[in-house]
Amino acid sequence: MPGPRSGPASRARPAPWPTPAPALRTGLHRHVLREVSQRTNTKLRHVAEHLVAWAHTQELPEHISAQLHNQLENAHVLHIQDLSGTERD
């Protein structure tokens, strides 16, 4: 897959989730992908291509996997706050 990084630092590794990520409210999915794209300096369509390939290979480039994990955690917190009515900072 095309991307800005190559070499040993970008080796693919299995995604860190043994089970599916918790459901997110509508709209957060795109926000997560956009944040991963921006924070890894990878075009959004390439992030999406990596995720589609991950469904078949169970491997993501390390920089995308790590950032996806971080962004999903952040989005999950926002989702829980929305459900509980808690205000965000």
PDB file of N, CA and C in Angstrom:
ATOM      1  N   MET A   1       0.831  -1.183   0.000  1.00  0.00           N
ATOM      2  CA  MET A   1       0.000   0.000   0.000  1.00  0.00           C
ATOM      3  C   MET A   1       0.876   1.247   0.000  1.00  0.00           C
ATOM      4  N   PRO A   2       0.474   2.280  -0.689  1.00  0.00           N
ATOM      5  CA  PRO A   2       1.243   3.505  -0.706  1.00  0.00           C
ATOM      6  C   PRO A   2       1.190   4.187   0.650  1.00  0.00           C
ATOM      7  N   GLY A   3       2.203   4.898   0.982  1.00  0.00           N
ATOM      8  CA  GLY A   3       2.238   5.636   2.231  1.00  0.00           C
ATOM      9  C   GLY A   3       3.558   6.370   2.335  1.00  0.00           C
ATOM     10  N   PRO A   4       3.660   7.299   3.266  1.00  0.00           N
ATOM     11  CA  PRO A   4       4.842   8.124   3.346  1.00  0.00           C
ATOM     12  C   PRO A   4       6.021   7.447   4.020  1.00  0.00           C
ATOM     13  N   ARG A   5       5.796   6.347   4.715  1.00  0.00           N
ATOM     14  CA  ARG A   5       6.874   5.727   5.455  1.00  0.00           C
ATOM     15  C   ARG A   5       7.213   4.377   4.868  1.00  0.00           C
ATOM     16  N   SER A   6       8.477   4.045   4.931  1.00  0.00           N
ATOM     17  CA  SER A   6       8.909   2.727   4.506  1.00  0.00           C
ATOM     18  C   SER A   6      10.101   2.329   5.351  1.00  0.00           C
ATOM     19  N   GLY A   7      10.503   1.079   5.265  1.00  0.00           N
ATOM     20  CA  GLY A   7      11.648   0.605   6.013  1.00  0.00           C
ATOM     21  C   GLY A   7      11.233  -0.065   7.314  1.00  0.00           C
ATOM     22  N   PRO A   8      12.199  -0.381   8.177  1.00  0.00           N
ATOM     23  CA  PRO A   8      11.938  -1.143   9.393  1.00  0.00           C
ATOM     24  C   PRO A   8      10.937  -0.483  10.336  1.00  0.00           C
ATOM     25  N   ALA A   9      10.921   0.846  10.412  1.00  0.00           N
ATOM     26  CA  ALA A   9      10.020   1.524  11.342  1.00  0.00           C
ATOM     27  C   ALA A   9       8.561   1.361  10.960  1.00  0.00           C
ATOM     28  N   SER A  10       8.275   1.004   9.713  1.00  0.00           N
ATOM     29  CA  SER A  10       6.882   0.906   9.280  1.00  0.00           C
ATOM     30  C   SER A  10       6.429  -0.538   9.094  1.00  0.00           C
ATOM     31  N   ARG A  11       7.158  -1.484   9.639  1.00  0.00           N
ATOM     32  CA  ARG A  11       6.771  -2.888   9.485  1.00  0.00           C
ATOM     33  C   ARG A  11       5.365  -3.106   9.998  1.00  0.00           C
ATOM     34  N   ALA A  12       4.653  -3.944   9.277  1.00  0.00           N
ATOM     35  CA  ALA A  12       3.287  -4.255   9.680  1.00  0.00           C
ATOM     36  C   ALA A  12       3.312  -5.138  10.918  1.00  0.00           C
ATOM     37  N   ARG A  13       2.337  -4.949  11.757  1.00  0.00           N
ATOM     38  CA  ARG A  13       2.195  -5.791  12.936  1.00  0.00           C
ATOM     39  C   ARG A  13       0.714  -6.056  13.137  1.00  0.00           C
ATOM     40  N   PRO A  14       0.386  -7.113  13.850  1.00  0.00           N
ATOM     41  CA  PRO A  14      -1.031  -7.375  14.094  1.00  0.00           C
ATOM     42  C   PRO A  14      -1.666  -6.212  14.853  1.00  0.00           C
ATOM     43  N   ALA A  15      -2.908  -5.942  14.565  1.00  0.00           N
ATOM     44  CA  ALA A  15      -3.625  -4.884  15.268  1.00  0.00           C
ATOM     45  C   ALA A  15      -3.762  -5.257  16.739  1.00  0.00           C
ATOM     46  N   PRO A  16      -3.788  -4.268  17.635  1.00  0.00           N
ATOM     47  CA  PRO A  16      -3.773  -4.539  19.067  1.00  0.00           C
ATOM     48  C   PRO A  16      -5.113  -4.950  19.663  1.00  0.00           C
ATOM     49  N   TRP A  17      -6.121  -5.193  18.862  1.00  0.00           N
ATOM     50  CA  TRP A  17      -7.428  -5.504  19.419  1.00  0.00           C
ATOM     51  C   TRP A  17      -7.813  -6.946  19.171  1.00  0.00           C
ATOM     52  N   PRO A  18      -7.923  -7.755  20.229  1.00  0.00           N
ATOM     53  CA  PRO A  18      -8.347  -9.133  20.034  1.00  0.00           C
ATOM     54  C   PRO A  18      -9.844  -9.238  19.755  1.00  0.00           C
ATOM     55  N   THR A  19     -10.586  -8.218  20.141  1.00  0.00           N
ATOM     56  CA  THR A  19     -12.029  -8.205  19.920  1.00  0.00           C
ATOM     57  C   THR A  19     -12.397  -6.915  19.200  1.00  0.00           C
ATOM     58  N   PRO A  20     -13.581  -6.849  18.614  1.00  0.00           N
ATOM     59  CA  PRO A  20     -13.986  -5.617  17.926  1.00  0.00           C
ATOM     60  C   PRO A  20     -14.007  -4.422  18.870  1.00  0.00           C
ATOM     61  N   ALA A  21     -13.661  -3.264  18.330  1.00  0.00           N
ATOM     62  CA  ALA A  21     -13.716  -2.030  19.110  1.00  0.00           C
ATOM     63  C   ALA A  21     -15.166  -1.722  19.444  1.00  0.00           C
ATOM     64  N   PRO A  22     -15.404  -1.042  20.578  1.00  0.00           N
ATOM     65  CA  PRO A  22     -16.780  -0.691  20.929  1.00  0.00           C
ATOM     66  C   PRO A  22     -17.424   0.192  19.867  1.00  0.00           C
ATOM     67  N   ALA A  23     -18.723   0.103  19.770  1.00  0.00           N
ATOM     68  CA  ALA A  23     -19.462   0.916  18.802  1.00  0.00           C
ATOM     69  C   ALA A  23     -19.308   2.394  19.146  1.00  0.00           C
ATOM     70  N   LEU A  24     -19.262   3.221  18.111  1.00  0.00           N
ATOM     71  CA  LEU A  24     -19.156   4.664  18.288  1.00  0.00           C
ATOM     72  C   LEU A  24     -20.386   5.328  17.687  1.00  0.00           C
ATOM     73  N   ARG A  25     -20.683   6.509  18.201  1.00  0.00           N
ATOM     74  CA  ARG A  25     -21.835   7.228  17.653  1.00  0.00           C
ATOM     75  C   ARG A  25     -21.540   7.652  16.220  1.00  0.00           C
ATOM     76  N   THR A  26     -22.575   7.867  15.477  1.00  0.00           N
ATOM     77  CA  THR A  26     -22.454   8.279  14.083  1.00  0.00           C
ATOM     78  C   THR A  26     -21.602   9.538  13.995  1.00  0.00           C
ATOM     79  N   GLY A  27     -20.715   9.567  13.052  1.00  0.00           N
ATOM     80  CA  GLY A  27     -19.861  10.729  12.845  1.00  0.00           C
ATOM     81  C   GLY A  27     -18.485  10.579  13.450  1.00  0.00           C
ATOM     82  N   LEU A  28     -18.347   9.809  14.513  1.00  0.00           N
ATOM     83  CA  LEU A  28     -17.036   9.648  15.119  1.00  0.00           C
ATOM     84  C   LEU A  28     -16.114   8.763  14.276  1.00  0.00           C
ATOM     85  N   HIS A  29     -16.685   7.873  13.491  1.00  0.00           N
ATOM     86  CA  HIS A  29     -15.869   6.993  12.667  1.00  0.00           C
ATOM     87  C   HIS A  29     -15.003   7.807  11.701  1.00  0.00           C
ATOM     88  N   ARG A  30     -15.632   8.731  11.015  1.00  0.00           N
ATOM     89  CA  ARG A  30     -14.883   9.560  10.060  1.00  0.00           C
ATOM     90  C   ARG A  30     -13.876  10.441  10.789  1.00  0.00           C
ATOM     91  N   HIS A  31     -14.250  10.943  11.937  1.00  0.00           N
ATOM     92  CA  HIS A  31     -13.334  11.757  12.734  1.00  0.00           C
ATOM     93  C   HIS A  31     -12.086  10.940  13.100  1.00  0.00           C
ATOM     94  N   VAL A  32     -12.270   9.694  13.515  1.00  0.00           N
ATOM     95  CA  VAL A  32     -11.151   8.828  13.873  1.00  0.00           C
ATOM     96  C   VAL A  32     -10.230   8.630  12.668  1.00  0.00           C
ATOM     97  N   LEU A  33     -10.804   8.301  11.517  1.00  0.00           N
ATOM     98  CA  LEU A  33      -9.984   8.092  10.322  1.00  0.00           C
ATOM     99  C   LEU A  33      -9.245   9.364   9.915  1.00  0.00           C
ATOM    100  N   ARG A  34      -9.914  10.496   9.996  1.00  0.00           N
ATOM    101  CA  ARG A  34      -9.283  11.766   9.633  1.00  0.00           C
ATOM    102  C   ARG A  34      -8.119  12.083  10.584  1.00  0.00           C
ATOM    103  N   GLU A  35      -8.311  11.846  11.878  1.00  0.00           N
ATOM    104  CA  GLU A  35      -7.244  12.094  12.850  1.00  0.00           C
ATOM    105  C   GLU A  35      -6.052  11.173  12.616  1.00  0.00           C
ATOM    106  N   VAL A  36      -6.314   9.899  12.335  1.00  0.00           N
ATOM    107  CA  VAL A  36      -5.229   8.960  12.040  1.00  0.00           C
ATOM    108  C   VAL A  36      -4.469   9.440  10.806  1.00  0.00           C
ATOM    109  N   SER A  37      -5.191   9.854   9.799  1.00  0.00           N
ATOM    110  CA  SER A  37      -4.576  10.350   8.572  1.00  0.00           C
ATOM    111  C   SER A  37      -3.683  11.556   8.860  1.00  0.00           C
ATOM    112  N   GLN A  38      -4.196  12.522   9.593  1.00  0.00           N
ATOM    113  CA  GLN A  38      -3.449  13.745   9.856  1.00  0.00           C
ATOM    114  C   GLN A  38      -2.241  13.491  10.751  1.00  0.00           C
ATOM    115  N   ARG A  39      -2.417  12.673  11.768  1.00  0.00           N
ATOM    116  CA  ARG A  39      -1.338  12.457  12.735  1.00  0.00           C
ATOM    117  C   ARG A  39      -0.246  11.520  12.227  1.00  0.00           C
ATOM    118  N   THR A  40      -0.537  10.746  11.193  1.00  0.00           N
ATOM    119  CA  THR A  40       0.485   9.870  10.612  1.00  0.00           C
ATOM    120  C   THR A  40       1.003  10.408   9.286  1.00  0.00           C
ATOM    121  N   ASN A  41       0.472  11.537   8.860  1.00  0.00           N
ATOM    122  CA  ASN A  41       0.849  12.131   7.573  1.00  0.00           C
ATOM    123  C   ASN A  41       0.639  11.128   6.432  1.00  0.00           C
ATOM    124  N   THR A  42      -0.509  10.459   6.481  1.00  0.00           N
ATOM    125  CA  THR A  42      -0.887   9.463   5.482  1.00  0.00           C
ATOM    126  C   THR A  42      -2.220   9.899   4.880  1.00  0.00           C
ATOM    127  N   LYS A  43      -2.320   9.878   3.580  1.00  0.00           N
ATOM    128  CA  LYS A  43      -3.585  10.275   2.947  1.00  0.00           C
ATOM    129  C   LYS A  43      -4.732   9.425   3.490  1.00  0.00           C
ATOM    130  N   LEU A  44      -5.889  10.060   3.646  1.00  0.00           N
ATOM    131  CA  LEU A  44      -7.056   9.384   4.197  1.00  0.00           C
ATOM    132  C   LEU A  44      -7.391   8.123   3.412  1.00  0.00           C
ATOM    133  N   ARG A  45      -7.325   8.199   2.104  1.00  0.00           N
ATOM    134  CA  ARG A  45      -7.665   7.022   1.303  1.00  0.00           C
ATOM    135  C   ARG A  45      -6.679   5.879   1.546  1.00  0.00           C
ATOM    136  N   HIS A  46      -5.406   6.195   1.854  1.00  0.00           N
ATOM    137  CA  HIS A  46      -4.424   5.149   2.138  1.00  0.00           C
ATOM    138  C   HIS A  46      -4.684   4.519   3.498  1.00  0.00           C
ATOM    139  N   VAL A  47      -5.102   5.337   4.471  1.00  0.00           N
ATOM    140  CA  VAL A  47      -5.496   4.778   5.767  1.00  0.00           C
ATOM    141  C   VAL A  47      -6.650   3.800   5.555  1.00  0.00           C
ATOM    142  N   ALA A  48      -7.634   4.206   4.774  1.00  0.00           N
ATOM    143  CA  ALA A  48      -8.780   3.336   4.493  1.00  0.00           C
ATOM    144  C   ALA A  48      -8.341   2.060   3.776  1.00  0.00           C
ATOM    145  N   GLU A  49      -7.419   2.170   2.815  1.00  0.00           N
ATOM    146  CA  GLU A  49      -6.919   0.989   2.112  1.00  0.00           C
ATOM    147  C   GLU A  49      -6.223   0.032   3.069  1.00  0.00           C
ATOM    148  N   HIS A  50      -5.430   0.578   3.995  1.00  0.00           N
ATOM    149  CA  HIS A  50      -4.758  -0.264   4.984  1.00  0.00           C
ATOM    150  C   HIS A  50      -5.779  -0.990   5.863  1.00  0.00           C
ATOM    151  N   LEU A  51      -6.855  -0.300   6.235  1.00  0.00           N
ATOM    152  CA  LEU A  51      -7.871  -0.928   7.080  1.00  0.00           C
ATOM    153  C   LEU A  51      -8.623  -2.028   6.340  1.00  0.00           C
ATOM    154  N   VAL A  52      -8.895  -1.815   5.072  1.00  0.00           N
ATOM    155  CA  VAL A  52      -9.553  -2.854   4.281  1.00  0.00           C
ATOM    156  C   VAL A  52      -8.623  -4.063   4.147  1.00  0.00           C
ATOM    157  N   ALA A  53      -7.353  -3.822   3.889  1.00  0.00           N
ATOM    158  CA  ALA A  53      -6.389  -4.927   3.786  1.00  0.00           C
ATOM    159  C   ALA A  53      -6.258  -5.650   5.125  1.00  0.00           C
ATOM    160  N   TRP A  54      -6.338  -4.902   6.223  1.00  0.00           N
ATOM    161  CA  TRP A  54      -6.239  -5.485   7.563  1.00  0.00           C
ATOM    162  C   TRP A  54      -7.326  -6.539   7.787  1.00  0.00           C
ATOM    163  N   ALA A  55      -8.485  -6.328   7.220  1.00  0.00           N
ATOM    164  CA  ALA A  55      -9.575  -7.297   7.357  1.00  0.00           C
ATOM    165  C   ALA A  55      -9.183  -8.655   6.772  1.00  0.00           C
ATOM    166  N   HIS A  56      -8.288  -8.650   5.818  1.00  0.00           N
ATOM    167  CA  HIS A  56      -7.857  -9.894   5.170  1.00  0.00           C
ATOM    168  C   HIS A  56      -6.541 -10.426   5.730  1.00  0.00           C
ATOM    169  N   THR A  57      -5.631  -9.526   6.105  1.00  0.00           N
ATOM    170  CA  THR A  57      -4.286  -9.944   6.519  1.00  0.00           C
ATOM    171  C   THR A  57      -4.070  -9.904   8.025  1.00  0.00           C
ATOM    172  N   GLN A  58      -4.928  -9.191   8.747  1.00  0.00           N
ATOM    173  CA  GLN A  58      -4.784  -8.963  10.183  1.00  0.00           C
ATOM    174  C   GLN A  58      -3.502  -8.210  10.527  1.00  0.00           C
ATOM    175  N   GLU A  59      -2.980  -7.423   9.599  1.00  0.00           N
ATOM    176  CA  GLU A  59      -1.789  -6.619   9.845  1.00  0.00           C
ATOM    177  C   GLU A  59      -2.007  -5.181   9.387  1.00  0.00           C
ATOM    178  N   LEU A  60      -1.502  -4.258  10.221  1.00  0.00           N
ATOM    179  CA  LEU A  60      -1.517  -2.834   9.897  1.00  0.00           C
ATOM    180  C   LEU A  60      -0.103  -2.303  10.064  1.00  0.00           C
ATOM    181  N   PRO A  61       0.280  -1.303   9.286  1.00  0.00           N
ATOM    182  CA  PRO A  61       1.566  -0.667   9.549  1.00  0.00           C
ATOM    183  C   PRO A  61       1.576  -0.140  10.992  1.00  0.00           C
ATOM    184  N   GLU A  62       2.700  -0.264  11.647  1.00  0.00           N
ATOM    185  CA  GLU A  62       2.793   0.072  13.066  1.00  0.00           C
ATOM    186  C   GLU A  62       2.341   1.499  13.377  1.00  0.00           C
ATOM    187  N   HIS A  63       2.748   2.463  12.549  1.00  0.00           N
ATOM    188  CA  HIS A  63       2.391   3.855  12.831  1.00  0.00           C
ATOM    189  C   HIS A  63       0.875   4.076  12.721  1.00  0.00           C
ATOM    190  N   ILE A  64       0.221   3.380  11.831  1.00  0.00           N
ATOM    191  CA  ILE A  64      -1.235   3.508  11.701  1.00  0.00           C
ATOM    192  C   ILE A  64      -1.929   2.768  12.838  1.00  0.00           C
ATOM    193  N   SER A  65      -1.445   1.586  13.161  1.00  0.00           N
ATOM    194  CA  SER A  65      -2.038   0.802  14.233  1.00  0.00           C
ATOM    195  C   SER A  65      -1.999   1.550  15.563  1.00  0.00           C
ATOM    196  N   ALA A  66      -0.836   2.112  15.890  1.00  0.00           N
ATOM    197  CA  ALA A  66      -0.690   2.835  17.159  1.00  0.00           C
ATOM    198  C   ALA A  66      -1.610   4.048  17.208  1.00  0.00           C
ATOM    199  N   GLN A  67      -1.653   4.815  16.122  1.00  0.00           N
ATOM    200  CA  GLN A  67      -2.488   6.015  16.102  1.00  0.00           C
ATOM    201  C   GLN A  67      -3.970   5.662  16.093  1.00  0.00           C
ATOM    202  N   LEU A  68      -4.333   4.597  15.393  1.00  0.00           N
ATOM    203  CA  LEU A  68      -5.725   4.158  15.376  1.00  0.00           C
ATOM    204  C   LEU A  68      -6.165   3.768  16.786  1.00  0.00           C
ATOM    205  N   HIS A  69      -5.315   3.057  17.479  1.00  0.00           N
ATOM    206  CA  HIS A  69      -5.618   2.673  18.858  1.00  0.00           C
ATOM    207  C   HIS A  69      -5.853   3.917  19.717  1.00  0.00           C
ATOM    208  N   ASN A  70      -4.954   4.905  19.622  1.00  0.00           N
ATOM    209  CA  ASN A  70      -5.099   6.151  20.397  1.00  0.00           C
ATOM    210  C   ASN A  70      -6.389   6.881  20.049  1.00  0.00           C
ATOM    211  N   GLN A  71      -6.669   7.002  18.766  1.00  0.00           N
ATOM    212  CA  GLN A  71      -7.854   7.749  18.340  1.00  0.00           C
ATOM    213  C   GLN A  71      -9.147   7.022  18.704  1.00  0.00           C
ATOM    214  N   LEU A  72      -9.140   5.699  18.657  1.00  0.00           N
ATOM    215  CA  LEU A  72     -10.332   4.951  19.076  1.00  0.00           C
ATOM    216  C   LEU A  72     -10.576   5.113  20.571  1.00  0.00           C
ATOM    217  N   GLU A  73      -9.513   5.126  21.367  1.00  0.00           N
ATOM    218  CA  GLU A  73      -9.677   5.374  22.804  1.00  0.00           C
ATOM    219  C   GLU A  73     -10.275   6.755  23.039  1.00  0.00           C
ATOM    220  N   ASN A  74      -9.738   7.772  22.349  1.00  0.00           N
ATOM    221  CA  ASN A  74     -10.260   9.134  22.493  1.00  0.00           C
ATOM    222  C   ASN A  74     -11.727   9.209  22.066  1.00  0.00           C
ATOM    223  N   ALA A  75     -12.060   8.585  20.957  1.00  0.00           N
ATOM    224  CA  ALA A  75     -13.433   8.615  20.459  1.00  0.00           C
ATOM    225  C   ALA A  75     -14.369   7.876  21.399  1.00  0.00           C
ATOM    226  N   HIS A  76     -13.887   6.788  21.990  1.00  0.00           N
ATOM    227  CA  HIS A  76     -14.721   6.044  22.927  1.00  0.00           C
ATOM    228  C   HIS A  76     -15.046   6.903  24.147  1.00  0.00           C
ATOM    229  N   VAL A  77     -14.073   7.674  24.630  1.00  0.00           N
ATOM    230  CA  VAL A  77     -14.314   8.583  25.756  1.00  0.00           C
ATOM    231  C   VAL A  77     -15.368   9.613  25.370  1.00  0.00           C
ATOM    232  N   LEU A  78     -15.249  10.185  24.166  1.00  0.00           N
ATOM    233  CA  LEU A  78     -16.250  11.158  23.706  1.00  0.00           C
ATOM    234  C   LEU A  78     -17.627  10.518  23.614  1.00  0.00           C
ATOM    235  N   HIS A  79     -17.676   9.285  23.144  1.00  0.00           N
ATOM    236  CA  HIS A  79     -18.944   8.561  23.011  1.00  0.00           C
ATOM    237  C   HIS A  79     -19.583   8.350  24.382  1.00  0.00           C
ATOM    238  N   ILE A  80     -18.791   7.921  25.355  1.00  0.00           N
ATOM    239  CA  ILE A  80     -19.299   7.692  26.711  1.00  0.00           C
ATOM    240  C   ILE A  80     -19.780   9.014  27.315  1.00  0.00           C
ATOM    241  N   GLN A  81     -19.027  10.089  27.105  1.00  0.00           N
ATOM    242  CA  GLN A  81     -19.443  11.395  27.621  1.00  0.00           C
ATOM    243  C   GLN A  81     -20.763  11.827  27.002  1.00  0.00           C
ATOM    244  N   ASP A  82     -20.925  11.588  25.703  1.00  0.00           N
ATOM    245  CA  ASP A  82     -22.178  11.935  25.036  1.00  0.00           C
ATOM    246  C   ASP A  82     -23.341  11.138  25.602  1.00  0.00           C
ATOM    247  N   LEU A  83     -23.122   9.855  25.865  1.00  0.00           N
ATOM    248  CA  LEU A  83     -24.186   9.007  26.399  1.00  0.00           C
ATOM    249  C   LEU A  83     -24.572   9.410  27.814  1.00  0.00           C
ATOM    250  N   SER A  84     -23.574   9.834  28.608  1.00  0.00           N
ATOM    251  CA  SER A  84     -23.841  10.171  30.004  1.00  0.00           C
ATOM    252  C   SER A  84     -24.225  11.630  30.191  1.00  0.00           C
ATOM    253  N   GLY A  85     -24.045  12.431  29.125  1.00  0.00           N
ATOM    254  CA  GLY A  85     -24.379  13.852  29.221  1.00  0.00           C
ATOM    255  C   GLY A  85     -23.278  14.663  29.887  1.00  0.00           C
ATOM    256  N   THR A  86     -22.109  14.062  30.087  1.00  0.00           N
ATOM    257  CA  THR A  86     -20.982  14.749  30.701  1.00  0.00           C
ATOM    258  C   THR A  86     -20.420  15.761  29.724  1.00  0.00           C
ATOM    259  N   GLU A  87     -20.052  16.934  30.250  1.00  0.00           N
ATOM    260  CA  GLU A  87     -19.478  17.962  29.381  1.00  0.00           C
ATOM    261  C   GLU A  87     -18.035  17.638  29.069  1.00  0.00           C
ATOM    262  N   ARG A  88     -17.644  18.004  27.837  1.00  0.00           N
ATOM    263  CA  ARG A  88     -16.259  17.853  27.407  1.00  0.00           C
ATOM    264  C   ARG A  88     -15.482  19.100  27.727  1.00  0.00           C
ATOM    265  N   ASP A  89     -14.154  18.942  27.859  1.00  0.00           N
ATOM    266  CA  ASP A  89     -13.280  20.106  28.079  1.00  0.00           C
ATOM    267  C   ASP A  89     -13.159  20.911  26.826  1.00  0.00           C
TER     268      ASP A  89
END
